[in-house]
Amino acid sequence: MKSRDMRRLIAHEAARLIAGDGGMDYGAAKRKAARQLGAADSSNLPDNAEVEEALRSYQTLYQGNAQPDTLAHLRKIALEYMELLQAFDPHLTGSVLSGTAGQHSDINIQLFTDSDKEVEFFLLNRKISYQAGETVTHGENFPHFSIDDPRAAVEVTVYPPLALRQMKRTMADGSARRMRLPQLLALLSPT
C-alpha cells in the first residue's frame, strides 16, 4: 500500500477513535490507529490537519445534526466560563473553537494572568469545584484547573501574559489557535 493511502487510512481511523472517545488526543489516536492497521512505521502518520479533515468528514457522515447541536451547547458553556473568568484574559482553544467538538470533548480555556493564585482564589470564592494540577507546554509547567461541571469537562490552563506573545496565533491551515471573548460572542450571535 502506498504511503499516501496508509496516511489517509490512519487519519480516518484516528478520526473514528476521536469521535467515539472525545478524551483521546490526536497523537494518541494516530498511534492507536496505526497499530490497529498494522502500520508500525511512524513515517506514515498523518499530521493533525489531515486528522481534523477526516474528523469533520466523519462527523458529517455519521453524526449528522447531533454534532452541530453539541458544538453549539459546548460553545455556550465556554461563553459562560469566559465571561466568568473575564478578568484573567480568557481564550478559547481546542476542538470547541475549531468546530470538531463532540459529545465527549473538553472545553479548553487558556488564561493569561500574572497570578495563578488569583485564579484559584476566584474559583474558591465562587464555590466552583475543581482539581488543580499542572500541564506541560513546550517543556514548561503551567497551572491547570479541571472544573467539575456536569454539563462538560472544562479545562483551564494559566499562562503568564508574556506567553501569549510567544504562542503561535494560527494553525497550519490559517485558522485561529485561540479566540477571545468578544470573538466568541460574535461567533455565537445570530446574524
N, C-alpha and C. Protein backbone atom coordinates (compact mmCIF):
# COMPACT_ATOMS: atom_id res chain seq x y z
N MET A 1 0.85 -1.18 0.00
CA MET A 1 0.00 0.00 0.00
C MET A 1 0.89 1.24 0.00
N LYS A 2 0.51 2.21 -0.76
CA LYS A 2 1.28 3.46 -0.85
C LYS A 2 1.21 4.21 0.47
N SER A 3 2.27 4.93 0.76
CA SER A 3 2.37 5.71 1.98
C SER A 3 1.21 6.70 2.11
N ARG A 4 0.86 7.35 0.99
CA ARG A 4 -0.24 8.34 0.98
C ARG A 4 -1.56 7.68 1.35
N ASP A 5 -1.80 6.48 0.82
CA ASP A 5 -3.04 5.77 1.14
C ASP A 5 -3.08 5.34 2.60
N MET A 6 -1.93 4.89 3.12
CA MET A 6 -1.87 4.48 4.52
C MET A 6 -2.09 5.68 5.43
N ARG A 7 -1.53 6.83 5.09
CA ARG A 7 -1.75 8.04 5.88
C ARG A 7 -3.24 8.37 5.94
N ARG A 8 -3.90 8.27 4.80
CA ARG A 8 -5.33 8.57 4.73
C ARG A 8 -6.13 7.59 5.59
N LEU A 9 -5.78 6.30 5.51
CA LEU A 9 -6.48 5.29 6.33
C LEU A 9 -6.27 5.55 7.82
N ILE A 10 -5.04 5.87 8.18
CA ILE A 10 -4.75 6.16 9.59
C ILE A 10 -5.51 7.40 10.04
N ALA A 11 -5.56 8.42 9.22
CA ALA A 11 -6.29 9.65 9.56
C ALA A 11 -7.76 9.36 9.80
N HIS A 12 -8.36 8.54 8.94
CA HIS A 12 -9.79 8.23 9.09
C HIS A 12 -10.06 7.34 10.30
N GLU A 13 -9.16 6.40 10.57
CA GLU A 13 -9.34 5.56 11.77
C GLU A 13 -9.12 6.39 13.02
N ALA A 14 -8.15 7.28 13.02
CA ALA A 14 -7.93 8.17 14.16
C ALA A 14 -9.15 9.06 14.38
N ALA A 15 -9.74 9.55 13.31
CA ALA A 15 -10.94 10.38 13.42
C ALA A 15 -12.09 9.60 14.06
N ARG A 16 -12.24 8.35 13.65
CA ARG A 16 -13.30 7.50 14.23
C ARG A 16 -13.06 7.31 15.73
N LEU A 17 -11.81 7.09 16.11
CA LEU A 17 -11.48 6.92 17.53
C LEU A 17 -11.76 8.19 18.32
N ILE A 18 -11.39 9.33 17.78
CA ILE A 18 -11.61 10.61 18.46
C ILE A 18 -13.11 10.89 18.59
N ALA A 19 -13.85 10.64 17.54
CA ALA A 19 -15.29 10.89 17.57
C ALA A 19 -15.99 9.99 18.58
N GLY A 20 -15.49 8.78 18.74
CA GLY A 20 -16.11 7.83 19.67
C GLY A 20 -15.70 8.07 21.10
N ASP A 21 -14.51 8.60 21.32
CA ASP A 21 -13.97 8.84 22.66
C ASP A 21 -13.29 10.19 22.66
N GLY A 22 -14.04 11.24 22.88
CA GLY A 22 -13.53 12.59 22.79
C GLY A 22 -12.36 12.90 23.69
N GLY A 23 -12.06 12.03 24.65
CA GLY A 23 -10.94 12.27 25.54
C GLY A 23 -9.60 11.93 24.91
N MET A 24 -9.60 11.33 23.74
CA MET A 24 -8.35 10.93 23.10
C MET A 24 -7.79 12.08 22.28
N ASP A 25 -6.51 12.39 22.50
CA ASP A 25 -5.90 13.46 21.72
C ASP A 25 -5.46 12.93 20.36
N TYR A 26 -5.12 13.83 19.47
CA TYR A 26 -4.78 13.45 18.10
C TYR A 26 -3.59 12.51 18.05
N GLY A 27 -2.56 12.79 18.84
CA GLY A 27 -1.36 11.96 18.82
C GLY A 27 -1.66 10.53 19.23
N ALA A 28 -2.38 10.36 20.34
CA ALA A 28 -2.73 9.01 20.81
C ALA A 28 -3.62 8.30 19.80
N ALA A 29 -4.56 9.04 19.22
CA ALA A 29 -5.46 8.43 18.23
C ALA A 29 -4.71 7.97 16.99
N LYS A 30 -3.74 8.78 16.54
CA LYS A 30 -2.94 8.40 15.36
C LYS A 30 -2.12 7.14 15.65
N ARG A 31 -1.49 7.08 16.82
CA ARG A 31 -0.68 5.91 17.16
C ARG A 31 -1.53 4.66 17.29
N LYS A 32 -2.68 4.78 17.92
CA LYS A 32 -3.57 3.63 18.09
C LYS A 32 -4.11 3.17 16.73
N ALA A 33 -4.49 4.12 15.90
CA ALA A 33 -5.00 3.78 14.57
C ALA A 33 -3.91 3.07 13.75
N ALA A 34 -2.69 3.55 13.84
CA ALA A 34 -1.59 2.93 13.10
C ALA A 34 -1.38 1.49 13.57
N ARG A 35 -1.41 1.28 14.89
CA ARG A 35 -1.26 -0.08 15.42
C ARG A 35 -2.38 -0.98 14.92
N GLN A 36 -3.61 -0.48 14.97
CA GLN A 36 -4.76 -1.28 14.55
C GLN A 36 -4.68 -1.64 13.07
N LEU A 37 -4.09 -0.76 12.29
CA LEU A 37 -3.99 -1.01 10.85
C LEU A 37 -2.68 -1.70 10.46
N GLY A 38 -1.87 -2.03 11.46
CA GLY A 38 -0.61 -2.72 11.20
C GLY A 38 0.45 -1.86 10.55
N ALA A 39 0.39 -0.56 10.81
CA ALA A 39 1.36 0.38 10.23
C ALA A 39 2.26 0.90 11.33
N ALA A 40 3.20 0.08 11.75
CA ALA A 40 4.08 0.45 12.86
C ALA A 40 5.05 1.56 12.49
N ASP A 41 5.31 1.76 11.20
CA ASP A 41 6.26 2.77 10.75
C ASP A 41 5.65 4.16 10.94
N SER A 42 6.24 4.95 11.82
CA SER A 42 5.67 6.26 12.14
C SER A 42 5.76 7.27 10.99
N SER A 43 6.47 6.94 9.94
CA SER A 43 6.55 7.87 8.81
C SER A 43 5.21 7.96 8.08
N ASN A 44 4.32 7.01 8.33
CA ASN A 44 3.00 7.03 7.70
C ASN A 44 1.96 7.82 8.48
N LEU A 45 2.33 8.32 9.66
CA LEU A 45 1.34 9.03 10.46
C LEU A 45 0.94 10.34 9.80
N PRO A 46 -0.36 10.57 9.72
CA PRO A 46 -0.84 11.84 9.16
C PRO A 46 -0.58 12.98 10.13
N ASP A 47 -0.59 14.20 9.62
CA ASP A 47 -0.47 15.34 10.53
C ASP A 47 -1.84 15.66 11.11
N ASN A 48 -1.87 16.56 12.07
CA ASN A 48 -3.13 16.89 12.74
C ASN A 48 -4.17 17.48 11.80
N ALA A 49 -3.73 18.22 10.80
CA ALA A 49 -4.67 18.80 9.84
C ALA A 49 -5.38 17.70 9.05
N GLU A 50 -4.66 16.64 8.70
CA GLU A 50 -5.28 15.53 7.98
C GLU A 50 -6.30 14.81 8.87
N VAL A 51 -5.96 14.65 10.14
CA VAL A 51 -6.89 14.01 11.07
C VAL A 51 -8.12 14.88 11.28
N GLU A 52 -7.90 16.19 11.41
CA GLU A 52 -9.04 17.09 11.60
C GLU A 52 -9.97 17.07 10.39
N GLU A 53 -9.41 17.04 9.20
CA GLU A 53 -10.23 16.96 7.98
C GLU A 53 -11.03 15.65 7.97
N ALA A 54 -10.39 14.55 8.35
CA ALA A 54 -11.08 13.26 8.41
C ALA A 54 -12.16 13.28 9.49
N LEU A 55 -11.88 13.95 10.61
CA LEU A 55 -12.85 14.05 11.69
C LEU A 55 -14.08 14.83 11.25
N ARG A 56 -13.87 15.91 10.53
CA ARG A 56 -15.01 16.68 10.02
C ARG A 56 -15.86 15.83 9.06
N SER A 57 -15.20 15.07 8.22
CA SER A 57 -15.93 14.17 7.30
C SER A 57 -16.72 13.12 8.07
N TYR A 58 -16.08 12.53 9.07
CA TYR A 58 -16.73 11.51 9.89
C TYR A 58 -17.96 12.09 10.59
N GLN A 59 -17.79 13.26 11.19
CA GLN A 59 -18.90 13.88 11.91
C GLN A 59 -20.05 14.21 10.98
N THR A 60 -19.76 14.68 9.79
CA THR A 60 -20.81 14.99 8.82
C THR A 60 -21.55 13.73 8.41
N LEU A 61 -20.81 12.68 8.18
CA LEU A 61 -21.38 11.42 7.70
C LEU A 61 -22.14 10.67 8.78
N TYR A 62 -21.55 10.55 9.97
CA TYR A 62 -22.11 9.67 10.99
C TYR A 62 -22.80 10.37 12.15
N GLN A 63 -22.55 11.64 12.34
CA GLN A 63 -23.15 12.31 13.49
C GLN A 63 -24.18 13.35 13.08
N GLY A 64 -24.34 13.56 11.79
CA GLY A 64 -25.40 14.40 11.26
C GLY A 64 -25.67 15.66 12.03
N ASN A 65 -26.92 15.82 12.46
CA ASN A 65 -27.34 17.03 13.16
C ASN A 65 -26.88 17.08 14.61
N ALA A 66 -26.52 15.95 15.19
CA ALA A 66 -26.14 15.91 16.61
C ALA A 66 -24.87 16.71 16.86
N GLN A 67 -23.88 16.61 15.99
CA GLN A 67 -22.60 17.28 16.25
C GLN A 67 -22.74 18.80 16.27
N PRO A 68 -23.43 19.43 15.31
CA PRO A 68 -23.58 20.89 15.40
C PRO A 68 -24.33 21.34 16.66
N ASP A 69 -25.32 20.55 17.08
CA ASP A 69 -26.04 20.89 18.32
C ASP A 69 -25.13 20.77 19.54
N THR A 70 -24.32 19.71 19.56
CA THR A 70 -23.37 19.50 20.65
C THR A 70 -22.35 20.64 20.68
N LEU A 71 -21.84 21.00 19.52
CA LEU A 71 -20.87 22.08 19.42
C LEU A 71 -21.47 23.39 19.93
N ALA A 72 -22.68 23.70 19.54
CA ALA A 72 -23.33 24.94 19.99
C ALA A 72 -23.50 24.93 21.51
N HIS A 73 -23.88 23.78 22.06
CA HIS A 73 -24.05 23.64 23.51
C HIS A 73 -22.72 23.88 24.23
N LEU A 74 -21.65 23.27 23.73
CA LEU A 74 -20.33 23.43 24.35
C LEU A 74 -19.83 24.86 24.23
N ARG A 75 -20.10 25.50 23.11
CA ARG A 75 -19.67 26.90 22.95
C ARG A 75 -20.42 27.82 23.91
N LYS A 76 -21.68 27.53 24.20
CA LYS A 76 -22.43 28.34 25.16
C LYS A 76 -21.87 28.18 26.56
N ILE A 77 -21.49 26.95 26.91
CA ILE A 77 -20.86 26.72 28.22
C ILE A 77 -19.52 27.45 28.27
N ALA A 78 -18.76 27.36 27.20
CA ALA A 78 -17.47 28.06 27.13
C ALA A 78 -17.67 29.56 27.32
N LEU A 79 -18.70 30.10 26.70
CA LEU A 79 -19.00 31.53 26.83
C LEU A 79 -19.27 31.89 28.29
N GLU A 80 -20.03 31.06 28.99
CA GLU A 80 -20.31 31.31 30.41
C GLU A 80 -19.02 31.40 31.21
N TYR A 81 -18.12 30.44 30.99
CA TYR A 81 -16.87 30.44 31.75
C TYR A 81 -15.96 31.58 31.33
N MET A 82 -15.94 31.92 30.08
CA MET A 82 -15.09 33.03 29.63
C MET A 82 -15.60 34.35 30.21
N GLU A 83 -16.92 34.51 30.29
CA GLU A 83 -17.47 35.72 30.91
C GLU A 83 -17.13 35.74 32.40
N LEU A 84 -17.25 34.59 33.05
CA LEU A 84 -16.94 34.49 34.47
C LEU A 84 -15.47 34.81 34.74
N LEU A 85 -14.58 34.33 33.88
CA LEU A 85 -13.14 34.49 34.05
C LEU A 85 -12.57 35.68 33.27
N GLN A 86 -13.42 36.60 32.91
CA GLN A 86 -13.05 37.73 32.06
C GLN A 86 -11.86 38.53 32.59
N ALA A 87 -11.70 38.62 33.88
CA ALA A 87 -10.60 39.40 34.47
C ALA A 87 -9.23 38.78 34.19
N PHE A 88 -9.21 37.52 33.72
CA PHE A 88 -7.95 36.81 33.51
C PHE A 88 -7.64 36.61 32.02
N ASP A 89 -8.21 37.42 31.16
CA ASP A 89 -7.96 37.37 29.72
C ASP A 89 -8.15 35.95 29.15
N PRO A 90 -9.37 35.44 29.19
CA PRO A 90 -9.61 34.07 28.72
C PRO A 90 -9.59 33.95 27.19
N HIS A 91 -9.09 32.81 26.74
CA HIS A 91 -9.05 32.47 25.31
C HIS A 91 -9.57 31.05 25.14
N LEU A 92 -10.50 30.87 24.23
CA LEU A 92 -11.00 29.53 23.90
C LEU A 92 -10.04 28.90 22.91
N THR A 93 -9.77 27.62 23.09
CA THR A 93 -8.89 26.90 22.18
C THR A 93 -9.41 25.46 22.03
N GLY A 94 -8.77 24.69 21.18
CA GLY A 94 -9.13 23.28 21.06
C GLY A 94 -10.30 23.01 20.14
N SER A 95 -10.92 21.85 20.34
CA SER A 95 -11.96 21.38 19.42
C SER A 95 -13.25 22.20 19.48
N VAL A 96 -13.53 22.84 20.62
CA VAL A 96 -14.73 23.69 20.70
C VAL A 96 -14.54 24.92 19.83
N LEU A 97 -13.32 25.40 19.76
CA LEU A 97 -13.01 26.52 18.86
C LEU A 97 -13.01 26.07 17.41
N SER A 98 -12.31 24.97 17.12
CA SER A 98 -12.15 24.55 15.72
C SER A 98 -13.44 24.03 15.10
N GLY A 99 -14.40 23.64 15.94
CA GLY A 99 -15.67 23.15 15.40
C GLY A 99 -15.75 21.64 15.28
N THR A 100 -14.76 20.93 15.80
CA THR A 100 -14.76 19.47 15.71
C THR A 100 -15.18 18.80 17.01
N ALA A 101 -15.64 19.57 17.99
CA ALA A 101 -16.01 19.01 19.28
C ALA A 101 -17.20 18.07 19.15
N GLY A 102 -17.15 17.00 19.92
CA GLY A 102 -18.25 16.04 20.00
C GLY A 102 -18.74 15.94 21.43
N GLN A 103 -19.60 14.98 21.69
CA GLN A 103 -20.23 14.88 23.00
C GLN A 103 -19.25 14.60 24.13
N HIS A 104 -18.08 14.04 23.85
CA HIS A 104 -17.11 13.74 24.90
C HIS A 104 -15.97 14.77 24.96
N SER A 105 -16.07 15.83 24.22
CA SER A 105 -14.97 16.80 24.13
C SER A 105 -14.89 17.71 25.36
N ASP A 106 -13.66 18.11 25.67
CA ASP A 106 -13.41 19.07 26.72
C ASP A 106 -13.55 20.48 26.16
N ILE A 107 -13.88 21.41 27.04
CA ILE A 107 -13.81 22.83 26.72
C ILE A 107 -12.46 23.30 27.25
N ASN A 108 -11.62 23.81 26.37
CA ASN A 108 -10.28 24.24 26.75
C ASN A 108 -10.18 25.75 26.73
N ILE A 109 -9.83 26.29 27.90
CA ILE A 109 -9.70 27.74 28.03
C ILE A 109 -8.31 28.05 28.56
N GLN A 110 -7.67 29.01 27.94
CA GLN A 110 -6.37 29.49 28.39
C GLN A 110 -6.56 30.86 29.03
N LEU A 111 -5.96 31.04 30.21
CA LEU A 111 -5.99 32.33 30.88
C LEU A 111 -4.59 32.92 30.85
N PHE A 112 -4.52 34.23 30.75
CA PHE A 112 -3.23 34.93 30.72
C PHE A 112 -3.23 35.97 31.83
N THR A 113 -2.56 35.63 32.93
CA THR A 113 -2.54 36.49 34.10
C THR A 113 -1.23 36.30 34.85
N ASP A 114 -0.86 37.29 35.64
CA ASP A 114 0.38 37.22 36.41
C ASP A 114 0.27 36.31 37.62
N SER A 115 -0.95 36.01 38.07
CA SER A 115 -1.08 35.24 39.31
C SER A 115 -2.08 34.10 39.16
N ASP A 116 -1.55 32.88 39.11
CA ASP A 116 -2.44 31.72 39.07
C ASP A 116 -3.17 31.57 40.40
N LYS A 117 -2.58 32.08 41.49
CA LYS A 117 -3.23 32.00 42.80
C LYS A 117 -4.51 32.84 42.81
N GLU A 118 -4.51 33.96 42.09
CA GLU A 118 -5.74 34.76 42.00
C GLU A 118 -6.84 33.96 41.31
N VAL A 119 -6.48 33.19 40.31
CA VAL A 119 -7.47 32.34 39.62
C VAL A 119 -8.02 31.32 40.61
N GLU A 120 -7.13 30.70 41.36
CA GLU A 120 -7.57 29.69 42.33
C GLU A 120 -8.47 30.30 43.40
N PHE A 121 -8.09 31.46 43.94
CA PHE A 121 -8.93 32.13 44.93
C PHE A 121 -10.28 32.51 44.33
N PHE A 122 -10.27 32.94 43.08
CA PHE A 122 -11.50 33.29 42.38
C PHE A 122 -12.44 32.08 42.33
N LEU A 123 -11.90 30.93 41.95
CA LEU A 123 -12.72 29.71 41.88
C LEU A 123 -13.22 29.31 43.27
N LEU A 124 -12.36 29.39 44.25
CA LEU A 124 -12.75 29.04 45.63
C LEU A 124 -13.85 29.97 46.14
N ASN A 125 -13.69 31.28 45.94
CA ASN A 125 -14.67 32.25 46.42
C ASN A 125 -16.04 32.08 45.79
N ARG A 126 -16.07 31.54 44.58
CA ARG A 126 -17.35 31.31 43.90
C ARG A 126 -17.85 29.88 44.07
N LYS A 127 -17.15 29.14 44.93
CA LYS A 127 -17.53 27.76 45.24
C LYS A 127 -17.63 26.88 43.99
N ILE A 128 -16.69 27.10 43.07
CA ILE A 128 -16.61 26.29 41.86
C ILE A 128 -15.67 25.13 42.15
N SER A 129 -16.19 23.94 42.04
CA SER A 129 -15.41 22.74 42.33
C SER A 129 -14.41 22.47 41.20
N TYR A 130 -13.19 22.13 41.57
CA TYR A 130 -12.13 21.91 40.58
C TYR A 130 -11.05 21.00 41.16
N GLN A 131 -10.21 20.49 40.28
CA GLN A 131 -8.98 19.81 40.67
C GLN A 131 -7.83 20.62 40.09
N ALA A 132 -6.85 20.89 40.94
CA ALA A 132 -5.69 21.67 40.49
C ALA A 132 -4.57 20.71 40.09
N GLY A 133 -3.81 21.12 39.11
CA GLY A 133 -2.67 20.34 38.66
C GLY A 133 -1.77 21.21 37.81
N GLU A 134 -1.00 20.55 36.98
CA GLU A 134 -0.12 21.26 36.06
C GLU A 134 -0.22 20.62 34.69
N THR A 135 0.07 21.42 33.68
CA THR A 135 0.18 20.91 32.33
C THR A 135 1.54 21.35 31.79
N VAL A 136 2.07 20.55 30.90
CA VAL A 136 3.38 20.85 30.33
C VAL A 136 3.19 21.37 28.91
N THR A 137 3.73 22.54 28.65
CA THR A 137 3.70 23.13 27.31
C THR A 137 5.13 23.52 26.95
N HIS A 138 5.62 22.93 25.87
CA HIS A 138 6.98 23.20 25.40
C HIS A 138 8.00 23.05 26.53
N GLY A 139 7.84 22.00 27.33
CA GLY A 139 8.79 21.70 28.39
C GLY A 139 8.64 22.51 29.66
N GLU A 140 7.66 23.41 29.72
CA GLU A 140 7.42 24.23 30.90
C GLU A 140 6.12 23.82 31.57
N ASN A 141 6.10 23.84 32.91
CA ASN A 141 4.90 23.51 33.66
C ASN A 141 4.07 24.77 33.90
N PHE A 142 2.76 24.63 33.71
CA PHE A 142 1.83 25.73 33.95
C PHE A 142 0.66 25.23 34.78
N PRO A 143 0.10 26.08 35.65
CA PRO A 143 -1.04 25.69 36.47
C PRO A 143 -2.24 25.32 35.60
N HIS A 144 -2.96 24.30 36.06
CA HIS A 144 -4.10 23.80 35.29
C HIS A 144 -5.22 23.49 36.28
N PHE A 145 -6.44 23.86 35.91
CA PHE A 145 -7.61 23.59 36.73
C PHE A 145 -8.63 22.82 35.90
N SER A 146 -9.04 21.66 36.41
CA SER A 146 -10.13 20.89 35.78
C SER A 146 -11.39 21.20 36.58
N ILE A 147 -12.29 21.94 35.97
CA ILE A 147 -13.50 22.37 36.65
C ILE A 147 -14.56 21.28 36.55
N ASP A 148 -15.17 20.99 37.69
CA ASP A 148 -16.21 19.96 37.76
C ASP A 148 -17.55 20.57 37.37
N ASP A 149 -17.90 20.45 36.12
CA ASP A 149 -19.18 20.92 35.62
C ASP A 149 -19.89 19.71 35.03
N PRO A 150 -21.10 19.39 35.50
CA PRO A 150 -21.78 18.19 35.00
C PRO A 150 -22.15 18.26 33.51
N ARG A 151 -22.14 19.46 32.94
CA ARG A 151 -22.52 19.60 31.54
C ARG A 151 -21.39 19.24 30.59
N ALA A 152 -20.15 19.51 31.01
CA ALA A 152 -18.99 19.27 30.14
C ALA A 152 -17.72 19.44 30.97
N ALA A 153 -16.67 18.77 30.52
CA ALA A 153 -15.36 18.94 31.16
C ALA A 153 -14.79 20.29 30.73
N VAL A 154 -14.40 21.10 31.72
CA VAL A 154 -13.84 22.42 31.43
C VAL A 154 -12.40 22.41 31.94
N GLU A 155 -11.46 22.57 31.03
CA GLU A 155 -10.04 22.54 31.35
C GLU A 155 -9.47 23.94 31.17
N VAL A 156 -8.88 24.46 32.26
CA VAL A 156 -8.36 25.82 32.27
C VAL A 156 -6.87 25.78 32.57
N THR A 157 -6.07 26.35 31.68
CA THR A 157 -4.63 26.44 31.89
C THR A 157 -4.25 27.91 32.03
N VAL A 158 -3.39 28.19 33.00
CA VAL A 158 -3.00 29.57 33.28
C VAL A 158 -1.56 29.82 32.81
N TYR A 159 -1.41 30.84 31.98
CA TYR A 159 -0.11 31.24 31.45
C TYR A 159 0.18 32.68 31.87
N PRO A 160 1.46 33.05 31.94
CA PRO A 160 1.78 34.46 32.17
C PRO A 160 1.42 35.28 30.93
N PRO A 161 1.09 36.55 31.09
CA PRO A 161 0.69 37.38 29.94
C PRO A 161 1.70 37.39 28.79
N LEU A 162 2.99 37.35 29.11
CA LEU A 162 4.01 37.38 28.06
C LEU A 162 3.97 36.13 27.17
N ALA A 163 3.46 35.04 27.70
CA ALA A 163 3.41 33.80 26.92
C ALA A 163 2.53 33.95 25.69
N LEU A 164 1.51 34.79 25.78
CA LEU A 164 0.61 34.99 24.65
C LEU A 164 1.35 35.51 23.43
N ARG A 165 2.33 36.36 23.64
CA ARG A 165 3.11 36.91 22.53
C ARG A 165 3.99 35.85 21.87
N GLN A 166 4.39 34.86 22.65
CA GLN A 166 5.29 33.83 22.15
C GLN A 166 4.55 32.67 21.47
N MET A 167 3.26 32.53 21.74
CA MET A 167 2.49 31.42 21.19
C MET A 167 2.09 31.70 19.74
N LYS A 168 2.01 30.65 18.96
CA LYS A 168 1.56 30.79 17.59
C LYS A 168 0.11 31.25 17.58
N ARG A 169 -0.21 32.10 16.63
CA ARG A 169 -1.56 32.65 16.54
C ARG A 169 -2.48 31.83 15.66
N THR A 170 -1.91 31.17 14.68
CA THR A 170 -2.74 30.44 13.73
C THR A 170 -2.29 28.99 13.60
N MET A 171 -3.19 28.18 13.12
CA MET A 171 -2.91 26.78 12.83
C MET A 171 -2.27 26.72 11.45
N ALA A 172 -1.86 25.53 11.05
CA ALA A 172 -1.23 25.35 9.74
C ALA A 172 -2.16 25.76 8.60
N ASP A 173 -3.47 25.58 8.81
CA ASP A 173 -4.44 25.93 7.76
C ASP A 173 -4.85 27.40 7.78
N GLY A 174 -4.27 28.17 8.69
CA GLY A 174 -4.57 29.60 8.76
C GLY A 174 -5.67 29.95 9.75
N SER A 175 -6.33 28.96 10.32
CA SER A 175 -7.39 29.24 11.30
C SER A 175 -6.76 29.64 12.64
N ALA A 176 -7.54 30.34 13.44
CA ALA A 176 -7.05 30.84 14.73
C ALA A 176 -6.82 29.71 15.72
N ARG A 177 -5.76 29.80 16.49
CA ARG A 177 -5.47 28.83 17.56
C ARG A 177 -6.26 29.14 18.82
N ARG A 178 -6.65 30.39 19.00
CA ARG A 178 -7.39 30.76 20.19
C ARG A 178 -8.31 31.93 19.85
N MET A 179 -9.33 32.10 20.70
CA MET A 179 -10.32 33.14 20.45
C MET A 179 -10.66 33.83 21.76
N ARG A 180 -10.68 35.14 21.74
CA ARG A 180 -11.05 35.93 22.92
C ARG A 180 -12.57 36.00 23.04
N LEU A 181 -13.02 36.48 24.17
CA LEU A 181 -14.44 36.58 24.48
C LEU A 181 -15.24 37.37 23.43
N PRO A 182 -14.81 38.56 23.01
CA PRO A 182 -15.60 39.30 22.01
C PRO A 182 -15.76 38.52 20.69
N GLN A 183 -14.72 37.79 20.31
CA GLN A 183 -14.81 37.00 19.08
C GLN A 183 -15.81 35.86 19.24
N LEU A 184 -15.82 35.23 20.42
CA LEU A 184 -16.77 34.14 20.67
C LEU A 184 -18.19 34.68 20.69
N LEU A 185 -18.37 35.84 21.31
CA LEU A 185 -19.70 36.47 21.31
C LEU A 185 -20.19 36.73 19.90
N ALA A 186 -19.30 37.23 19.05
CA ALA A 186 -19.66 37.49 17.66
C ALA A 186 -19.98 36.20 16.92
N LEU A 187 -19.24 35.15 17.21
CA LEU A 187 -19.48 33.86 16.57
C LEU A 187 -20.83 33.28 16.95
N LEU A 188 -21.23 33.48 18.22
CA LEU A 188 -22.48 32.90 18.71
C LEU A 188 -23.70 33.76 18.44
N SER A 189 -23.50 35.04 18.14
CA SER A 189 -24.66 35.91 17.92
C SER A 189 -25.27 35.62 16.55
N PRO A 190 -26.61 35.52 16.52
CA PRO A 190 -27.27 35.28 15.23
C PRO A 190 -27.08 36.46 14.30
N THR A 191 -26.91 36.15 13.03
CA THR A 191 -26.69 37.21 12.04
C THR A 191 -27.98 37.69 11.44
